[in-house]
Amino acid sequence: MRTKALAAPYIVWMVIFTVVPLAMVAYFAFTTNSGEFTFTNLTRAAEYMPVLLRSVWYALAACAICLVIGYPVAYVIAQTTARTQRVLYLLVTLPMCMSFLLRTLAWVALLRDTGIINTFLGNFGIGPLPLIRNAGSVILGMVYNYLPYMIMPLYTVIVKLDPRLIEAAQDLGCDNLQVFRRVILPLSVPGIVSGITMVFVPAVSTFYISQKLGGTNNTMIGDVIELQFKGSLNRNFGAAMSLVLMLLVFVSIWLMNRFTDDEEGVATI
């Protein structure tokens, strides 16, 4: 009984700031401006399926790149001494102390036609190269902003691996590649899944990165939702698009959790 009482503030907080907003989004998604029930908003949302698929594709590409970069970084950090780990971990999380908007605008200053990179290349008669307003620049912005979310869970899992398992694999004749493939990688699957989830969720719903680094052909679902609420174009339709995006995120998290449950702790030597 005492435990339930201690959880009461958290439950109240969740109801006010999570359940109620979600219920409001669902209500507006199924109503018109006059409050009449309708499925028109969700039907119209199907028109933006190409934009949704583009958002998913960009988010998956960002996840893959973050994993390729983040896994070696997390592994190297986990192999250092405790003091060095704290310093390196601080360096990984340090960019997160800066404003998200400023980090994105910094890439605009670097990549635009009159930016630092093209100005430097222009001194050698090169360019200006199309470094901005394309899919690559949008994915680059996602990778830069969300890479720490991949490194942190990977490091947390890898640093806790029992070194005796690695020693046992080596005693049984496994080389370094086999040790990684049969022991380290399977045991780090929970960190991989957590990292992919933490990168995919904000990446698929982002809008500021695509606005600043992308072009008219790189509109993402977050841009569509923001446009509906900004200027009061159609808030009910914006709520419907938000509901579709939330369902996509919930399904993704559910699939990731199922995969983690199936794979956690599996290692074959």
C-alpha atoms as a PDB file:
ATOM      1  CA  MET A   1       0.000   0.000   0.000  1.00  0.00           C
ATOM      2  CA  ARG A   2       2.851   2.360   0.883  1.00  0.00           C
ATOM      3  CA  THR A   3       4.549   1.583  -2.455  1.00  0.00           C
ATOM      4  CA  LYS A   4       1.389   2.505  -4.371  1.00  0.00           C
ATOM      5  CA  ALA A   5       1.161   5.761  -2.441  1.00  0.00           C
ATOM      6  CA  LEU A   6       4.739   6.643  -3.395  1.00  0.00           C
ATOM      7  CA  ALA A   7       3.886   5.994  -7.058  1.00  0.00           C
ATOM      8  CA  ALA A   8       0.840   8.273  -6.951  1.00  0.00           C
ATOM      9  CA  PRO A   9       2.674  11.505  -7.962  1.00  0.00           C
ATOM     10  CA  TYR A  10       4.192   9.730 -10.947  1.00  0.00           C
ATOM     11  CA  ILE A  11       0.800   8.345 -11.989  1.00  0.00           C
ATOM     12  CA  VAL A  12      -0.793  11.790 -11.737  1.00  0.00           C
ATOM     13  CA  TRP A  13       2.059  13.270 -13.753  1.00  0.00           C
ATOM     14  CA  MET A  14       1.669  10.604 -16.478  1.00  0.00           C
ATOM     15  CA  VAL A  15      -2.090  11.125 -16.670  1.00  0.00           C
ATOM     16  CA  ILE A  16      -1.830  14.918 -16.977  1.00  0.00           C
ATOM     17  CA  PHE A  17       1.114  15.158 -19.340  1.00  0.00           C
ATOM     18  CA  THR A  18       0.837  11.893 -21.319  1.00  0.00           C
ATOM     19  CA  VAL A  19      -2.619  10.333 -21.284  1.00  0.00           C
ATOM     20  CA  VAL A  20      -4.587  13.589 -21.553  1.00  0.00           C
ATOM     21  CA  PRO A  21      -2.527  14.987 -24.481  1.00  0.00           C
ATOM     22  CA  LEU A  22      -2.796  11.659 -26.335  1.00  0.00           C
ATOM     23  CA  ALA A  23      -6.553  11.624 -25.776  1.00  0.00           C
ATOM     24  CA  MET A  24      -6.791  15.193 -27.115  1.00  0.00           C
ATOM     25  CA  VAL A  25      -4.833  14.261 -30.227  1.00  0.00           C
ATOM     26  CA  ALA A  26      -7.140  11.277 -30.832  1.00  0.00           C
ATOM     27  CA  TYR A  27     -10.227  13.458 -30.306  1.00  0.00           C
ATOM     28  CA  PHE A  28      -9.166  16.133 -32.801  1.00  0.00           C
ATOM     29  CA  ALA A  29      -8.025  13.481 -35.288  1.00  0.00           C
ATOM     30  CA  PHE A  30     -11.570  12.067 -35.495  1.00  0.00           C
ATOM     31  CA  THR A  31     -13.477  15.361 -35.500  1.00  0.00           C
ATOM     32  CA  THR A  32     -13.953  18.380 -37.740  1.00  0.00           C
ATOM     33  CA  ASN A  33     -13.470  22.017 -36.788  1.00  0.00           C
ATOM     34  CA  SER A  34     -17.124  22.075 -35.683  1.00  0.00           C
ATOM     35  CA  GLY A  35     -16.653  18.995 -33.465  1.00  0.00           C
ATOM     36  CA  GLU A  36     -18.439  16.473 -35.725  1.00  0.00           C
ATOM     37  CA  PHE A  37     -17.133  12.899 -35.856  1.00  0.00           C
ATOM     38  CA  THR A  38     -15.345  12.027 -39.110  1.00  0.00           C
ATOM     39  CA  PHE A  39     -12.783   9.716 -40.706  1.00  0.00           C
ATOM     40  CA  THR A  40     -11.903  12.284 -43.346  1.00  0.00           C
ATOM     41  CA  ASN A  41      -8.734  13.399 -41.581  1.00  0.00           C
ATOM     42  CA  LEU A  42      -7.306   9.880 -41.466  1.00  0.00           C
ATOM     43  CA  THR A  43      -8.396   9.204 -45.047  1.00  0.00           C
ATOM     44  CA  ARG A  44      -6.634  12.339 -46.197  1.00  0.00           C
ATOM     45  CA  ALA A  45      -3.525  11.266 -44.277  1.00  0.00           C
ATOM     46  CA  ALA A  46      -3.125   8.442 -46.814  1.00  0.00           C
ATOM     47  CA  GLU A  47      -2.293  11.101 -49.416  1.00  0.00           C
ATOM     48  CA  TYR A  48       0.943  11.777 -47.552  1.00  0.00           C
ATOM     49  CA  MET A  49       2.096   8.159 -47.545  1.00  0.00           C
ATOM     50  CA  PRO A  50       5.123   8.986 -49.784  1.00  0.00           C
ATOM     51  CA  VAL A  51       6.201  11.611 -47.233  1.00  0.00           C
ATOM     52  CA  LEU A  52       5.793   9.097 -44.394  1.00  0.00           C
ATOM     53  CA  LEU A  53       7.796   6.464 -46.269  1.00  0.00           C
ATOM     54  CA  ARG A  54      10.508   9.039 -46.964  1.00  0.00           C
ATOM     55  CA  SER A  55      10.657   9.882 -43.272  1.00  0.00           C
ATOM     56  CA  VAL A  56      10.984   6.199 -42.365  1.00  0.00           C
ATOM     57  CA  TRP A  57      13.698   5.702 -44.982  1.00  0.00           C
ATOM     58  CA  TYR A  58      15.735   8.690 -43.774  1.00  0.00           C
ATOM     59  CA  ALA A  59      15.346   7.566 -40.147  1.00  0.00           C
ATOM     60  CA  LEU A  60      16.458   4.001 -40.953  1.00  0.00           C
ATOM     61  CA  ALA A  61      19.448   5.292 -42.914  1.00  0.00           C
ATOM     62  CA  ALA A  62      20.415   7.502 -39.964  1.00  0.00           C
ATOM     63  CA  CYS A  63      20.056   4.510 -37.606  1.00  0.00           C
ATOM     64  CA  ALA A  64      22.319   2.356 -39.783  1.00  0.00           C
ATOM     65  CA  ILE A  65      25.021   5.013 -40.004  1.00  0.00           C
ATOM     66  CA  CYS A  66      24.814   5.755 -36.278  1.00  0.00           C
ATOM     67  CA  LEU A  67      25.200   2.038 -35.546  1.00  0.00           C
ATOM     68  CA  VAL A  68      28.228   1.668 -37.831  1.00  0.00           C
ATOM     69  CA  ILE A  69      29.900   4.684 -36.232  1.00  0.00           C
ATOM     70  CA  GLY A  70      28.601   4.299 -32.689  1.00  0.00           C
ATOM     71  CA  TYR A  71      29.379   0.611 -32.070  1.00  0.00           C
ATOM     72  CA  PRO A  72      33.179   0.903 -32.488  1.00  0.00           C
ATOM     73  CA  VAL A  73      33.185   4.119 -30.443  1.00  0.00           C
ATOM     74  CA  ALA A  74      31.199   2.501 -27.621  1.00  0.00           C
ATOM     75  CA  TYR A  75      33.413  -0.592 -27.722  1.00  0.00           C
ATOM     76  CA  VAL A  76      36.631   1.440 -27.545  1.00  0.00           C
ATOM     77  CA  ILE A  77      35.295   3.505 -24.639  1.00  0.00           C
ATOM     78  CA  ALA A  78      34.292   0.336 -22.762  1.00  0.00           C
ATOM     79  CA  GLN A  79      37.824  -1.089 -23.099  1.00  0.00           C
ATOM     80  CA  THR A  80      39.548   1.867 -21.439  1.00  0.00           C
ATOM     81  CA  THR A  81      40.147   2.495 -17.763  1.00  0.00           C
ATOM     82  CA  ALA A  82      37.336   3.772 -15.559  1.00  0.00           C
ATOM     83  CA  ARG A  83      38.761   7.293 -15.454  1.00  0.00           C
ATOM     84  CA  THR A  84      39.215   7.448 -19.216  1.00  0.00           C
ATOM     85  CA  GLN A  85      35.696   6.092 -19.681  1.00  0.00           C
ATOM     86  CA  ARG A  86      34.258   8.993 -17.719  1.00  0.00           C
ATOM     87  CA  VAL A  87      36.182  11.524 -19.799  1.00  0.00           C
ATOM     88  CA  LEU A  88      35.256   9.940 -23.136  1.00  0.00           C
ATOM     89  CA  TYR A  89      31.641   9.510 -22.102  1.00  0.00           C
ATOM     90  CA  LEU A  90      31.557  13.189 -21.180  1.00  0.00           C
ATOM     91  CA  LEU A  91      32.927  14.113 -24.607  1.00  0.00           C
ATOM     92  CA  VAL A  92      30.205  12.038 -26.279  1.00  0.00           C
ATOM     93  CA  THR A  93      27.427  13.713 -24.326  1.00  0.00           C
ATOM     94  CA  LEU A  94      28.947  17.216 -24.391  1.00  0.00           C
ATOM     95  CA  PRO A  95      27.340  18.275 -27.720  1.00  0.00           C
ATOM     96  CA  MET A  96      23.940  17.529 -26.187  1.00  0.00           C
ATOM     97  CA  CYS A  97      24.502  20.430 -23.787  1.00  0.00           C
ATOM     98  CA  MET A  98      24.311  22.794 -26.761  1.00  0.00           C
ATOM     99  CA  SER A  99      20.986  23.832 -28.259  1.00  0.00           C
ATOM    100  CA  PHE A 100      19.634  21.452 -30.906  1.00  0.00           C
ATOM    101  CA  LEU A 101      18.850  24.436 -33.110  1.00  0.00           C
ATOM    102  CA  LEU A 102      22.372  25.821 -32.872  1.00  0.00           C
ATOM    103  CA  ARG A 103      23.904  22.438 -33.727  1.00  0.00           C
ATOM    104  CA  THR A 104      21.773  22.235 -36.850  1.00  0.00           C
ATOM    105  CA  LEU A 105      22.443  25.829 -37.865  1.00  0.00           C
ATOM    106  CA  ALA A 106      26.174  25.132 -37.512  1.00  0.00           C
ATOM    107  CA  TRP A 107      25.869  22.536 -40.285  1.00  0.00           C
ATOM    108  CA  VAL A 108      24.037  25.077 -42.428  1.00  0.00           C
ATOM    109  CA  ALA A 109      27.023  27.411 -42.053  1.00  0.00           C
ATOM    110  CA  LEU A 110      29.342  24.566 -43.026  1.00  0.00           C
ATOM    111  CA  LEU A 111      27.427  23.098 -45.986  1.00  0.00           C
ATOM    112  CA  ARG A 112      25.707  25.974 -47.774  1.00  0.00           C
ATOM    113  CA  ASP A 113      27.028  27.198 -51.138  1.00  0.00           C
ATOM    114  CA  THR A 114      28.765  30.159 -49.497  1.00  0.00           C
ATOM    115  CA  GLY A 115      29.632  28.164 -46.383  1.00  0.00           C
ATOM    116  CA  ILE A 116      32.960  27.291 -44.846  1.00  0.00           C
ATOM    117  CA  ILE A 117      33.534  24.049 -46.784  1.00  0.00           C
ATOM    118  CA  ASN A 118      32.646  25.422 -50.226  1.00  0.00           C
ATOM    119  CA  THR A 119      34.606  28.619 -49.540  1.00  0.00           C
ATOM    120  CA  PHE A 120      37.663  26.532 -48.687  1.00  0.00           C
ATOM    121  CA  LEU A 121      37.246  24.362 -51.786  1.00  0.00           C
ATOM    122  CA  GLY A 122      36.730  27.485 -53.891  1.00  0.00           C
ATOM    123  CA  ASN A 123      40.295  28.525 -53.093  1.00  0.00           C
ATOM    124  CA  PHE A 124      41.395  25.497 -55.149  1.00  0.00           C
ATOM    125  CA  GLY A 125      38.926  26.116 -57.968  1.00  0.00           C
ATOM    126  CA  ILE A 126      36.462  23.472 -56.772  1.00  0.00           C
ATOM    127  CA  GLY A 127      32.754  23.967 -56.361  1.00  0.00           C
ATOM    128  CA  PRO A 128      30.499  25.111 -55.066  1.00  0.00           C
ATOM    129  CA  LEU A 129      29.465  21.515 -54.387  1.00  0.00           C
ATOM    130  CA  PRO A 130      25.788  20.660 -53.677  1.00  0.00           C
ATOM    131  CA  LEU A 131      26.359  19.825 -50.016  1.00  0.00           C
ATOM    132  CA  ILE A 132      23.006  21.074 -48.762  1.00  0.00           C
ATOM    133  CA  ARG A 133      19.303  20.877 -49.698  1.00  0.00           C
ATOM    134  CA  ASN A 134      19.440  17.158 -50.444  1.00  0.00           C
ATOM    135  CA  ALA A 135      18.748  13.832 -48.744  1.00  0.00           C
ATOM    136  CA  GLY A 136      22.382  13.363 -47.765  1.00  0.00           C
ATOM    137  CA  SER A 137      22.523  16.605 -45.792  1.00  0.00           C
ATOM    138  CA  VAL A 138      19.290  15.739 -43.946  1.00  0.00           C
ATOM    139  CA  ILE A 139      20.608  12.308 -42.958  1.00  0.00           C
ATOM    140  CA  LEU A 140      23.932  13.884 -41.975  1.00  0.00           C
ATOM    141  CA  GLY A 141      22.108  16.278 -39.664  1.00  0.00           C
ATOM    142  CA  MET A 142      20.230  13.381 -38.074  1.00  0.00           C
ATOM    143  CA  VAL A 143      23.390  11.347 -37.565  1.00  0.00           C
ATOM    144  CA  TYR A 144      25.220  14.265 -35.959  1.00  0.00           C
ATOM    145  CA  ASN A 145      22.366  15.162 -33.609  1.00  0.00           C
ATOM    146  CA  TYR A 146      21.327  11.646 -32.616  1.00  0.00           C
ATOM    147  CA  LEU A 147      24.640   9.740 -32.616  1.00  0.00           C
ATOM    148  CA  PRO A 148      25.063  10.072 -28.812  1.00  0.00           C
ATOM    149  CA  TYR A 149      21.714   8.289 -28.376  1.00  0.00           C
ATOM    150  CA  MET A 150      23.248   5.284 -30.129  1.00  0.00           C
ATOM    151  CA  ILE A 151      26.585   5.339 -28.312  1.00  0.00           C
ATOM    152  CA  MET A 152      25.193   5.624 -24.764  1.00  0.00           C
ATOM    153  CA  PRO A 153      23.087   2.413 -24.646  1.00  0.00           C
ATOM    154  CA  LEU A 154      25.750   0.478 -26.552  1.00  0.00           C
ATOM    155  CA  TYR A 155      28.423   1.552 -24.081  1.00  0.00           C
ATOM    156  CA  THR A 156      26.178   0.701 -21.120  1.00  0.00           C
ATOM    157  CA  VAL A 157      25.710  -2.866 -22.372  1.00  0.00           C
ATOM    158  CA  ILE A 158      29.242  -3.528 -23.622  1.00  0.00           C
ATOM    159  CA  VAL A 159      30.950  -2.269 -20.458  1.00  0.00           C
ATOM    160  CA  LYS A 160      28.946  -4.805 -18.414  1.00  0.00           C
ATOM    161  CA  LEU A 161      29.989  -7.836 -20.487  1.00  0.00           C
ATOM    162  CA  ASP A 162      31.689 -10.515 -18.403  1.00  0.00           C
ATOM    163  CA  PRO A 163      35.328 -10.743 -19.587  1.00  0.00           C
ATOM    164  CA  ARG A 164      35.379 -14.395 -18.516  1.00  0.00           C
ATOM    165  CA  LEU A 165      33.090 -15.215 -21.455  1.00  0.00           C
ATOM    166  CA  ILE A 166      35.628 -13.735 -23.855  1.00  0.00           C
ATOM    167  CA  GLU A 167      38.447 -15.631 -22.162  1.00  0.00           C
ATOM    168  CA  ALA A 168      36.444 -18.853 -22.384  1.00  0.00           C
ATOM    169  CA  ALA A 169      35.848 -18.334 -26.103  1.00  0.00           C
ATOM    170  CA  GLN A 170      39.542 -17.697 -26.675  1.00  0.00           C
ATOM    171  CA  ASP A 171      40.466 -20.809 -24.679  1.00  0.00           C
ATOM    172  CA  LEU A 172      38.148 -22.810 -26.931  1.00  0.00           C
ATOM    173  CA  GLY A 173      40.074 -21.651 -30.000  1.00  0.00           C
ATOM    174  CA  CYS A 174      38.060 -18.643 -31.189  1.00  0.00           C
ATOM    175  CA  ASP A 175      40.000 -15.874 -32.884  1.00  0.00           C
ATOM    176  CA  ASN A 176      39.138 -12.198 -32.376  1.00  0.00           C
ATOM    177  CA  LEU A 177      36.558 -12.165 -35.171  1.00  0.00           C
ATOM    178  CA  GLN A 178      34.832 -15.272 -33.847  1.00  0.00           C
ATOM    179  CA  VAL A 179      34.818 -13.869 -30.308  1.00  0.00           C
ATOM    180  CA  PHE A 180      33.109 -10.735 -31.582  1.00  0.00           C
ATOM    181  CA  ARG A 181      30.612 -12.583 -33.767  1.00  0.00           C
ATOM    182  CA  ARG A 182      29.683 -15.339 -31.308  1.00  0.00           C
ATOM    183  CA  VAL A 183      29.997 -13.627 -27.918  1.00  0.00           C
ATOM    184  CA  ILE A 184      30.247  -9.835 -27.939  1.00  0.00           C
ATOM    185  CA  LEU A 185      27.755  -9.100 -30.703  1.00  0.00           C
ATOM    186  CA  PRO A 186      24.941 -11.389 -29.456  1.00  0.00           C
ATOM    187  CA  LEU A 187      25.281 -10.112 -25.896  1.00  0.00           C
ATOM    188  CA  SER A 188      25.221  -6.496 -27.065  1.00  0.00           C
ATOM    189  CA  VAL A 189      21.956  -6.918 -29.004  1.00  0.00           C
ATOM    190  CA  PRO A 190      19.900  -5.206 -26.241  1.00  0.00           C
ATOM    191  CA  GLY A 191      22.125  -2.141 -26.558  1.00  0.00           C
ATOM    192  CA  ILE A 192      21.828  -2.205 -30.346  1.00  0.00           C
ATOM    193  CA  VAL A 193      18.037  -2.397 -30.167  1.00  0.00           C
ATOM    194  CA  SER A 194      17.864   0.357 -27.549  1.00  0.00           C
ATOM    195  CA  GLY A 195      20.160   2.567 -29.617  1.00  0.00           C
ATOM    196  CA  ILE A 196      18.156   2.023 -32.811  1.00  0.00           C
ATOM    197  CA  THR A 197      14.946   2.851 -30.947  1.00  0.00           C
ATOM    198  CA  MET A 198      16.404   5.994 -29.381  1.00  0.00           C
ATOM    199  CA  VAL A 199      17.639   7.214 -32.772  1.00  0.00           C
ATOM    200  CA  PHE A 200      14.682   6.133 -34.901  1.00  0.00           C
ATOM    201  CA  VAL A 201      11.939   7.717 -32.771  1.00  0.00           C
ATOM    202  CA  PRO A 202      13.234  11.328 -32.887  1.00  0.00           C
ATOM    203  CA  ALA A 203      14.623  10.945 -36.426  1.00  0.00           C
ATOM    204  CA  VAL A 204      11.354   9.827 -38.024  1.00  0.00           C
ATOM    205  CA  SER A 205       9.448  12.706 -36.437  1.00  0.00           C
ATOM    206  CA  THR A 206      12.026  15.463 -36.922  1.00  0.00           C
ATOM    207  CA  PHE A 207      11.169  18.606 -38.823  1.00  0.00           C
ATOM    208  CA  TYR A 208      13.748  21.294 -38.072  1.00  0.00           C
ATOM    209  CA  ILE A 209      16.664  19.355 -39.594  1.00  0.00           C
ATOM    210  CA  SER A 210      14.797  18.756 -42.852  1.00  0.00           C
ATOM    211  CA  GLN A 211      13.746  22.399 -43.034  1.00  0.00           C
ATOM    212  CA  LYS A 212      17.264  23.781 -42.604  1.00  0.00           C
ATOM    213  CA  LEU A 213      19.339  21.137 -44.392  1.00  0.00           C
ATOM    214  CA  GLY A 214      16.829  19.722 -46.873  1.00  0.00           C
ATOM    215  CA  GLY A 215      15.038  21.078 -49.922  1.00  0.00           C
ATOM    216  CA  THR A 216      11.498  20.990 -51.242  1.00  0.00           C
ATOM    217  CA  ASN A 217      11.953  17.334 -52.222  1.00  0.00           C
ATOM    218  CA  ASN A 218      13.030  16.339 -48.716  1.00  0.00           C
ATOM    219  CA  THR A 219       9.879  17.189 -46.784  1.00  0.00           C
ATOM    220  CA  MET A 220       9.285  14.857 -43.854  1.00  0.00           C
ATOM    221  CA  ILE A 221       6.171  13.941 -41.918  1.00  0.00           C
ATOM    222  CA  GLY A 222       7.173  16.269 -39.090  1.00  0.00           C
ATOM    223  CA  ASP A 223       7.181  19.178 -41.538  1.00  0.00           C
ATOM    224  CA  VAL A 224       3.629  18.347 -42.644  1.00  0.00           C
ATOM    225  CA  ILE A 225       2.399  18.186 -39.054  1.00  0.00           C
ATOM    226  CA  GLU A 226       4.082  21.449 -38.099  1.00  0.00           C
ATOM    227  CA  LEU A 227       2.617  23.187 -41.147  1.00  0.00           C
ATOM    228  CA  GLN A 228      -0.921  22.189 -40.154  1.00  0.00           C
ATOM    229  CA  PHE A 229      -0.587  23.697 -36.687  1.00  0.00           C
ATOM    230  CA  LYS A 230       1.515  26.679 -37.743  1.00  0.00           C
ATOM    231  CA  GLY A 231      -0.834  29.308 -39.044  1.00  0.00           C
ATOM    232  CA  SER A 232      -3.919  27.254 -38.085  1.00  0.00           C
ATOM    233  CA  LEU A 233      -4.241  25.632 -41.531  1.00  0.00           C
ATOM    234  CA  ASN A 234      -6.015  22.498 -40.315  1.00  0.00           C
ATOM    235  CA  ARG A 235      -5.291  21.438 -36.755  1.00  0.00           C
ATOM    236  CA  ASN A 236      -7.624  18.441 -36.975  1.00  0.00           C
ATOM    237  CA  PHE A 237      -5.718  17.078 -39.947  1.00  0.00           C
ATOM    238  CA  GLY A 238      -2.467  17.814 -38.122  1.00  0.00           C
ATOM    239  CA  ALA A 239      -3.760  15.787 -35.179  1.00  0.00           C
ATOM    240  CA  ALA A 240      -4.610  12.908 -37.536  1.00  0.00           C
ATOM    241  CA  MET A 241      -1.085  12.948 -38.965  1.00  0.00           C
ATOM    242  CA  SER A 242       0.305  13.051 -35.423  1.00  0.00           C
ATOM    243  CA  LEU A 243      -1.827  10.036 -34.522  1.00  0.00           C
ATOM    244  CA  VAL A 244      -0.505   8.096 -37.519  1.00  0.00           C
ATOM    245  CA  LEU A 245       3.066   8.982 -36.544  1.00  0.00           C
ATOM    246  CA  MET A 246       2.465   7.946 -32.931  1.00  0.00           C
ATOM    247  CA  LEU A 247       1.078   4.590 -34.059  1.00  0.00           C
ATOM    248  CA  LEU A 248       4.180   4.084 -36.211  1.00  0.00           C
ATOM    249  CA  VAL A 249       6.429   4.868 -33.255  1.00  0.00           C
ATOM    250  CA  PHE A 250       4.493   2.566 -30.906  1.00  0.00           C
ATOM    251  CA  VAL A 251       4.633  -0.300 -33.403  1.00  0.00           C
ATOM    252  CA  SER A 252       8.373   0.241 -33.901  1.00  0.00           C
ATOM    253  CA  ILE A 253       9.024   0.202 -30.158  1.00  0.00           C
ATOM    254  CA  TRP A 254       6.877  -2.918 -29.738  1.00  0.00           C
ATOM    255  CA  LEU A 255       8.788  -4.725 -32.471  1.00  0.00           C
ATOM    256  CA  MET A 256      12.114  -3.669 -30.969  1.00  0.00           C
ATOM    257  CA  ASN A 257      11.063  -4.922 -27.535  1.00  0.00           C
ATOM    258  CA  ARG A 258       9.953  -8.242 -28.965  1.00  0.00           C
ATOM    259  CA  PHE A 259      13.267  -8.598 -30.757  1.00  0.00           C
ATOM    260  CA  THR A 260      15.182  -7.785 -27.585  1.00  0.00           C
ATOM    261  CA  ASP A 261      13.199 -10.373 -25.598  1.00  0.00           C
ATOM    262  CA  ASP A 262      14.009 -13.028 -28.188  1.00  0.00           C
ATOM    263  CA  GLU A 263      17.689 -12.212 -28.552  1.00  0.00           C
ATOM    264  CA  GLU A 264      18.771 -11.028 -25.104  1.00  0.00           C
ATOM    265  CA  GLY A 265      21.501 -13.090 -23.587  1.00  0.00           C
ATOM    266  CA  VAL A 266      21.973 -15.359 -26.630  1.00  0.00           C
ATOM    267  CA  ALA A 267      25.585 -16.313 -27.269  1.00  0.00           C
ATOM    268  CA  THR A 268      26.952 -19.412 -28.947  1.00  0.00           C
ATOM    269  CA  ILE A 269      30.578 -20.345 -28.658  1.00  0.00           C
END
